[in-house]
N, C-alpha and C. Protein backbone atom coordinates (compact mmCIF):
# COMPACT_ATOMS: atom_id res chain seq x y z
N MET A 1 -20.55 -8.27 2.26
CA MET A 1 -20.22 -6.89 1.92
C MET A 1 -18.86 -6.55 2.52
N ALA A 2 -18.27 -5.53 1.99
CA ALA A 2 -16.99 -5.07 2.51
C ALA A 2 -17.20 -4.40 3.87
N ILE A 3 -16.09 -4.16 4.53
CA ILE A 3 -16.10 -3.46 5.81
C ILE A 3 -15.61 -2.04 5.56
N LYS A 4 -16.11 -1.09 6.35
CA LYS A 4 -15.62 0.28 6.28
C LYS A 4 -15.23 0.72 7.69
N ILE A 5 -14.42 1.74 7.75
CA ILE A 5 -14.01 2.32 9.02
C ILE A 5 -14.72 3.66 9.16
N THR A 6 -15.44 3.83 10.25
CA THR A 6 -16.22 5.06 10.45
C THR A 6 -15.36 6.19 11.02
N ASP A 7 -15.96 7.35 11.10
CA ASP A 7 -15.28 8.53 11.63
C ASP A 7 -14.92 8.41 13.11
N GLU A 8 -15.45 7.41 13.78
CA GLU A 8 -15.13 7.20 15.19
C GLU A 8 -13.73 6.62 15.39
N CYS A 9 -13.04 6.29 14.30
CA CYS A 9 -11.69 5.72 14.36
C CYS A 9 -10.77 6.62 15.20
N ILE A 10 -10.03 5.99 16.12
CA ILE A 10 -9.09 6.74 16.97
C ILE A 10 -7.65 6.59 16.48
N ASN A 11 -7.46 6.00 15.30
CA ASN A 11 -6.14 5.83 14.69
C ASN A 11 -5.18 5.01 15.54
N CYS A 12 -5.71 3.98 16.20
CA CYS A 12 -4.85 3.14 17.03
C CYS A 12 -4.01 2.19 16.19
N GLY A 13 -4.47 1.86 14.98
CA GLY A 13 -3.72 0.99 14.09
C GLY A 13 -3.85 -0.50 14.37
N ALA A 14 -4.70 -0.90 15.31
CA ALA A 14 -4.85 -2.31 15.65
C ALA A 14 -5.34 -3.14 14.46
N CYS A 15 -6.14 -2.56 13.60
CA CYS A 15 -6.74 -3.28 12.49
C CYS A 15 -5.77 -3.60 11.36
N GLU A 16 -4.87 -2.69 11.07
CA GLU A 16 -4.03 -2.80 9.87
C GLU A 16 -3.26 -4.13 9.77
N PRO A 17 -2.54 -4.56 10.81
CA PRO A 17 -1.78 -5.81 10.66
C PRO A 17 -2.65 -7.07 10.65
N GLU A 18 -3.91 -6.94 11.01
CA GLU A 18 -4.81 -8.09 11.06
C GLU A 18 -5.39 -8.46 9.70
N CYS A 19 -5.35 -7.56 8.75
CA CYS A 19 -5.99 -7.76 7.45
C CYS A 19 -5.18 -8.70 6.56
N PRO A 20 -5.75 -9.86 6.19
CA PRO A 20 -5.02 -10.81 5.34
C PRO A 20 -4.88 -10.35 3.89
N ASN A 21 -5.62 -9.32 3.51
CA ASN A 21 -5.56 -8.81 2.13
C ASN A 21 -4.81 -7.50 2.01
N ASN A 22 -4.28 -7.01 3.12
CA ASN A 22 -3.63 -5.71 3.14
C ASN A 22 -4.55 -4.64 2.55
N ALA A 23 -5.82 -4.68 2.97
CA ALA A 23 -6.81 -3.74 2.47
C ALA A 23 -6.95 -2.51 3.36
N ILE A 24 -6.26 -2.49 4.49
CA ILE A 24 -6.39 -1.38 5.45
C ILE A 24 -5.12 -0.52 5.40
N TYR A 25 -5.34 0.78 5.27
CA TYR A 25 -4.23 1.72 5.16
C TYR A 25 -4.41 2.86 6.16
N GLU A 26 -3.30 3.39 6.60
CA GLU A 26 -3.32 4.56 7.47
C GLU A 26 -3.77 5.77 6.66
N GLY A 27 -4.49 6.67 7.29
CA GLY A 27 -4.94 7.88 6.62
C GLY A 27 -3.80 8.60 5.93
N GLY A 28 -4.03 9.03 4.69
CA GLY A 28 -3.02 9.77 3.94
C GLY A 28 -2.08 8.90 3.13
N VAL A 29 -2.11 7.59 3.33
CA VAL A 29 -1.20 6.69 2.62
C VAL A 29 -1.86 6.20 1.33
N GLU A 30 -1.12 6.30 0.22
CA GLU A 30 -1.62 5.79 -1.06
C GLU A 30 -1.69 4.27 -1.01
N TRP A 31 -2.57 3.68 -1.82
CA TRP A 31 -2.76 2.24 -1.84
C TRP A 31 -2.58 1.69 -3.25
N ALA A 32 -2.33 0.38 -3.32
CA ALA A 32 -2.26 -0.33 -4.60
C ALA A 32 -2.84 -1.73 -4.41
N ILE A 33 -3.46 -2.26 -5.44
CA ILE A 33 -3.99 -3.62 -5.40
C ILE A 33 -2.85 -4.60 -5.09
N ALA A 34 -1.68 -4.37 -5.62
CA ALA A 34 -0.55 -5.29 -5.45
C ALA A 34 -0.03 -5.36 -4.01
N ASP A 35 -0.29 -4.35 -3.21
CA ASP A 35 0.19 -4.36 -1.83
C ASP A 35 -0.35 -5.58 -1.08
N GLY A 36 0.53 -6.48 -0.68
CA GLY A 36 0.14 -7.63 0.12
C GLY A 36 -0.64 -8.70 -0.61
N THR A 37 -0.70 -8.62 -1.93
CA THR A 37 -1.39 -9.64 -2.73
C THR A 37 -0.42 -10.18 -3.77
N SER A 38 -0.88 -11.16 -4.53
CA SER A 38 -0.03 -11.71 -5.60
C SER A 38 -0.43 -11.17 -6.97
N VAL A 39 -1.28 -10.15 -7.00
CA VAL A 39 -1.76 -9.60 -8.26
C VAL A 39 -0.68 -8.79 -8.95
N LYS A 40 -0.54 -9.03 -10.26
CA LYS A 40 0.38 -8.27 -11.10
C LYS A 40 -0.37 -7.91 -12.38
N GLY A 41 0.03 -6.82 -13.00
CA GLY A 41 -0.59 -6.43 -14.26
C GLY A 41 -1.94 -5.80 -14.08
N SER A 42 -2.81 -6.03 -15.04
CA SER A 42 -4.13 -5.41 -15.07
C SER A 42 -5.07 -6.05 -14.06
N PHE A 43 -5.89 -5.21 -13.40
CA PHE A 43 -6.85 -5.68 -12.41
C PHE A 43 -8.16 -4.94 -12.61
N THR A 44 -9.27 -5.68 -12.63
CA THR A 44 -10.58 -5.08 -12.80
C THR A 44 -11.20 -4.81 -11.44
N LEU A 45 -11.55 -3.55 -11.21
CA LEU A 45 -12.15 -3.12 -9.95
C LEU A 45 -13.64 -3.46 -9.92
N LEU A 46 -14.26 -3.34 -8.75
CA LEU A 46 -15.68 -3.64 -8.59
C LEU A 46 -16.57 -2.82 -9.51
N ASP A 47 -16.15 -1.62 -9.85
CA ASP A 47 -16.97 -0.76 -10.72
C ASP A 47 -16.78 -1.07 -12.20
N GLY A 48 -15.94 -2.08 -12.51
CA GLY A 48 -15.71 -2.48 -13.89
C GLY A 48 -14.52 -1.81 -14.55
N SER A 49 -13.97 -0.78 -13.92
CA SER A 49 -12.79 -0.12 -14.49
C SER A 49 -11.56 -0.98 -14.25
N THR A 50 -10.53 -0.74 -15.05
CA THR A 50 -9.31 -1.53 -14.97
C THR A 50 -8.14 -0.62 -14.62
N ILE A 51 -7.30 -1.10 -13.70
CA ILE A 51 -6.09 -0.36 -13.33
C ILE A 51 -4.91 -1.34 -13.31
N ASP A 52 -3.72 -0.79 -13.30
CA ASP A 52 -2.53 -1.62 -13.09
C ASP A 52 -2.43 -1.91 -11.60
N ALA A 53 -2.19 -3.16 -11.25
CA ALA A 53 -2.16 -3.57 -9.85
C ALA A 53 -1.13 -2.80 -9.03
N GLY A 54 -0.05 -2.38 -9.65
CA GLY A 54 0.99 -1.65 -8.94
C GLY A 54 0.76 -0.15 -8.87
N GLN A 55 -0.26 0.33 -9.55
CA GLN A 55 -0.55 1.77 -9.56
C GLN A 55 -0.87 2.27 -8.16
N ARG A 56 -0.23 3.37 -7.76
CA ARG A 56 -0.52 4.00 -6.47
C ARG A 56 -1.76 4.86 -6.64
N ASN A 57 -2.69 4.71 -5.72
CA ASN A 57 -3.97 5.41 -5.79
C ASN A 57 -4.13 6.36 -4.60
N ALA A 58 -4.95 7.36 -4.80
CA ALA A 58 -5.18 8.37 -3.76
C ALA A 58 -5.75 7.71 -2.50
N PRO A 59 -5.36 8.20 -1.34
CA PRO A 59 -5.87 7.64 -0.09
C PRO A 59 -7.39 7.75 0.00
N GLY A 60 -8.01 6.77 0.62
CA GLY A 60 -9.45 6.80 0.83
C GLY A 60 -9.84 7.74 1.95
N SER A 61 -8.88 8.09 2.78
CA SER A 61 -9.10 9.02 3.87
C SER A 61 -7.77 9.68 4.19
N VAL A 62 -7.82 10.89 4.64
CA VAL A 62 -6.61 11.60 5.01
C VAL A 62 -6.40 11.54 6.52
N ASP A 63 -7.48 11.55 7.27
CA ASP A 63 -7.40 11.68 8.72
C ASP A 63 -7.42 10.37 9.50
N THR A 64 -8.06 9.34 8.97
CA THR A 64 -8.19 8.09 9.71
C THR A 64 -7.84 6.90 8.82
N TYR A 65 -7.65 5.76 9.45
CA TYR A 65 -7.44 4.53 8.69
C TYR A 65 -8.64 4.30 7.78
N TYR A 66 -8.40 3.62 6.67
CA TYR A 66 -9.48 3.33 5.73
C TYR A 66 -9.27 1.95 5.11
N ILE A 67 -10.35 1.40 4.56
CA ILE A 67 -10.32 0.08 3.94
C ILE A 67 -10.60 0.23 2.45
N VAL A 68 -9.76 -0.39 1.63
CA VAL A 68 -9.96 -0.40 0.18
C VAL A 68 -10.99 -1.49 -0.13
N THR A 69 -12.16 -1.08 -0.54
CA THR A 69 -13.27 -2.00 -0.79
C THR A 69 -12.90 -3.08 -1.81
N ASN A 70 -12.12 -2.71 -2.81
CA ASN A 70 -11.74 -3.66 -3.85
C ASN A 70 -10.83 -4.77 -3.33
N LYS A 71 -10.31 -4.62 -2.12
CA LYS A 71 -9.44 -5.65 -1.54
C LYS A 71 -10.06 -6.34 -0.33
N CYS A 72 -11.14 -5.80 0.21
CA CYS A 72 -11.75 -6.35 1.42
C CYS A 72 -12.62 -7.56 1.09
N THR A 73 -12.37 -8.66 1.78
CA THR A 73 -13.16 -9.88 1.61
C THR A 73 -13.87 -10.26 2.90
N GLU A 74 -13.93 -9.36 3.85
CA GLU A 74 -14.49 -9.64 5.18
C GLU A 74 -13.78 -10.84 5.81
N CYS A 75 -12.56 -11.08 5.41
CA CYS A 75 -11.72 -12.19 5.89
C CYS A 75 -12.27 -13.56 5.49
N GLN A 76 -13.22 -13.60 4.54
CA GLN A 76 -13.74 -14.88 4.06
C GLN A 76 -12.58 -15.71 3.49
N GLY A 77 -12.54 -16.97 3.85
CA GLY A 77 -11.49 -17.86 3.39
C GLY A 77 -10.24 -17.81 4.26
N PHE A 78 -10.21 -16.89 5.21
CA PHE A 78 -9.09 -16.76 6.13
C PHE A 78 -9.51 -16.99 7.58
N HIS A 79 -10.58 -16.31 7.99
CA HIS A 79 -11.04 -16.32 9.37
C HIS A 79 -12.56 -16.43 9.42
N GLU A 80 -13.08 -16.72 10.60
CA GLU A 80 -14.53 -16.85 10.80
C GLU A 80 -15.25 -15.51 10.83
N GLU A 81 -14.52 -14.43 11.15
CA GLU A 81 -15.12 -13.10 11.23
C GLU A 81 -14.09 -12.07 10.78
N PRO A 82 -14.54 -10.89 10.38
CA PRO A 82 -13.60 -9.83 9.99
C PRO A 82 -12.68 -9.49 11.16
N GLN A 83 -11.39 -9.65 10.95
CA GLN A 83 -10.42 -9.44 12.02
C GLN A 83 -10.29 -7.98 12.43
N CYS A 84 -10.51 -7.06 11.51
CA CYS A 84 -10.44 -5.64 11.88
C CYS A 84 -11.51 -5.31 12.92
N ALA A 85 -12.71 -5.82 12.69
CA ALA A 85 -13.80 -5.57 13.64
C ALA A 85 -13.53 -6.26 14.96
N ALA A 86 -12.92 -7.44 14.92
CA ALA A 86 -12.66 -8.19 16.14
C ALA A 86 -11.67 -7.48 17.06
N VAL A 87 -10.72 -6.75 16.48
CA VAL A 87 -9.68 -6.11 17.32
C VAL A 87 -9.92 -4.62 17.56
N CYS A 88 -10.89 -4.04 16.90
CA CYS A 88 -11.13 -2.59 17.02
C CYS A 88 -11.66 -2.25 18.42
N PRO A 89 -10.94 -1.38 19.15
CA PRO A 89 -11.37 -1.04 20.51
C PRO A 89 -12.59 -0.11 20.57
N VAL A 90 -12.93 0.54 19.44
CA VAL A 90 -14.06 1.47 19.46
C VAL A 90 -15.17 1.05 18.49
N ASP A 91 -15.11 -0.17 18.01
CA ASP A 91 -16.14 -0.73 17.13
C ASP A 91 -16.45 0.14 15.92
N CYS A 92 -15.41 0.65 15.27
CA CYS A 92 -15.65 1.50 14.10
C CYS A 92 -15.47 0.76 12.78
N CYS A 93 -15.17 -0.54 12.82
CA CYS A 93 -15.08 -1.36 11.61
C CYS A 93 -16.42 -2.06 11.46
N VAL A 94 -17.22 -1.55 10.52
CA VAL A 94 -18.60 -2.01 10.36
C VAL A 94 -18.87 -2.38 8.91
N PRO A 95 -19.92 -3.17 8.66
CA PRO A 95 -20.27 -3.51 7.27
C PRO A 95 -20.55 -2.24 6.45
N ASP A 96 -20.07 -2.24 5.24
CA ASP A 96 -20.28 -1.11 4.33
C ASP A 96 -21.52 -1.40 3.49
N GLU A 97 -22.61 -0.76 3.84
CA GLU A 97 -23.89 -1.01 3.17
C GLU A 97 -23.88 -0.65 1.69
N MET A 98 -22.89 0.09 1.24
CA MET A 98 -22.80 0.46 -0.18
C MET A 98 -22.28 -0.69 -1.04
N TYR A 99 -21.68 -1.70 -0.41
CA TYR A 99 -21.09 -2.80 -1.15
C TYR A 99 -21.62 -4.13 -0.64
N GLN A 100 -22.76 -4.53 -1.14
CA GLN A 100 -23.39 -5.80 -0.76
C GLN A 100 -22.77 -6.91 -1.60
N GLU A 101 -22.11 -7.87 -0.95
CA GLU A 101 -21.50 -9.00 -1.64
C GLU A 101 -21.86 -10.28 -0.90
N THR A 102 -22.07 -11.34 -1.66
CA THR A 102 -22.36 -12.63 -1.06
C THR A 102 -21.05 -13.27 -0.61
N VAL A 103 -21.16 -14.33 0.19
CA VAL A 103 -19.97 -15.07 0.61
C VAL A 103 -19.23 -15.60 -0.62
N ASP A 104 -19.97 -16.11 -1.59
CA ASP A 104 -19.33 -16.63 -2.82
C ASP A 104 -18.57 -15.52 -3.56
N GLU A 105 -19.15 -14.33 -3.62
CA GLU A 105 -18.47 -13.21 -4.27
C GLU A 105 -17.21 -12.81 -3.50
N LEU A 106 -17.29 -12.81 -2.18
CA LEU A 106 -16.12 -12.48 -1.36
C LEU A 106 -15.02 -13.52 -1.52
N LEU A 107 -15.40 -14.78 -1.58
CA LEU A 107 -14.40 -15.84 -1.78
C LEU A 107 -13.77 -15.74 -3.17
N ALA A 108 -14.56 -15.38 -4.17
CA ALA A 108 -14.02 -15.20 -5.52
C ALA A 108 -13.04 -14.03 -5.54
N LYS A 109 -13.36 -12.96 -4.80
CA LYS A 109 -12.44 -11.82 -4.70
C LYS A 109 -11.15 -12.24 -4.04
N LYS A 110 -11.24 -13.05 -2.98
CA LYS A 110 -10.05 -13.56 -2.30
C LYS A 110 -9.16 -14.34 -3.28
N GLU A 111 -9.77 -15.21 -4.08
CA GLU A 111 -9.01 -16.00 -5.05
C GLU A 111 -8.35 -15.12 -6.09
N LYS A 112 -9.02 -14.06 -6.47
CA LYS A 112 -8.48 -13.12 -7.46
C LYS A 112 -7.27 -12.36 -6.90
N LEU A 113 -7.31 -12.07 -5.60
CA LEU A 113 -6.22 -11.32 -4.95
C LEU A 113 -5.01 -12.20 -4.61
N HIS A 114 -5.27 -13.48 -4.40
CA HIS A 114 -4.20 -14.38 -3.96
C HIS A 114 -4.10 -15.57 -4.91
N VAL A 115 -3.70 -15.28 -6.13
CA VAL A 115 -3.59 -16.29 -7.18
C VAL A 115 -2.57 -17.36 -6.81
């Protein structure tokens, strides 16, 4: 499953540079699938909708750092554990129970993001 950042986030920013998929953004910052990935053109999101990879999207949070679920692979294929959770000083990077994904699904997402 993807990782989410809870309201306990203290906005230290330790997690953002650790993400190999560039899935973590500072509160208030717009995101795009293309940020930090090799994706260009059309991209199908987890909900089945399609967007342009370069399209800027509304922030997932205004006040705290947030993780774009469509880009989070729990660091599968990169590291043994989610790096955001490993470096978070307040343990606010936790599994997102709304997005249950298998290791195979996470690895497939990684391949899709890093063609």
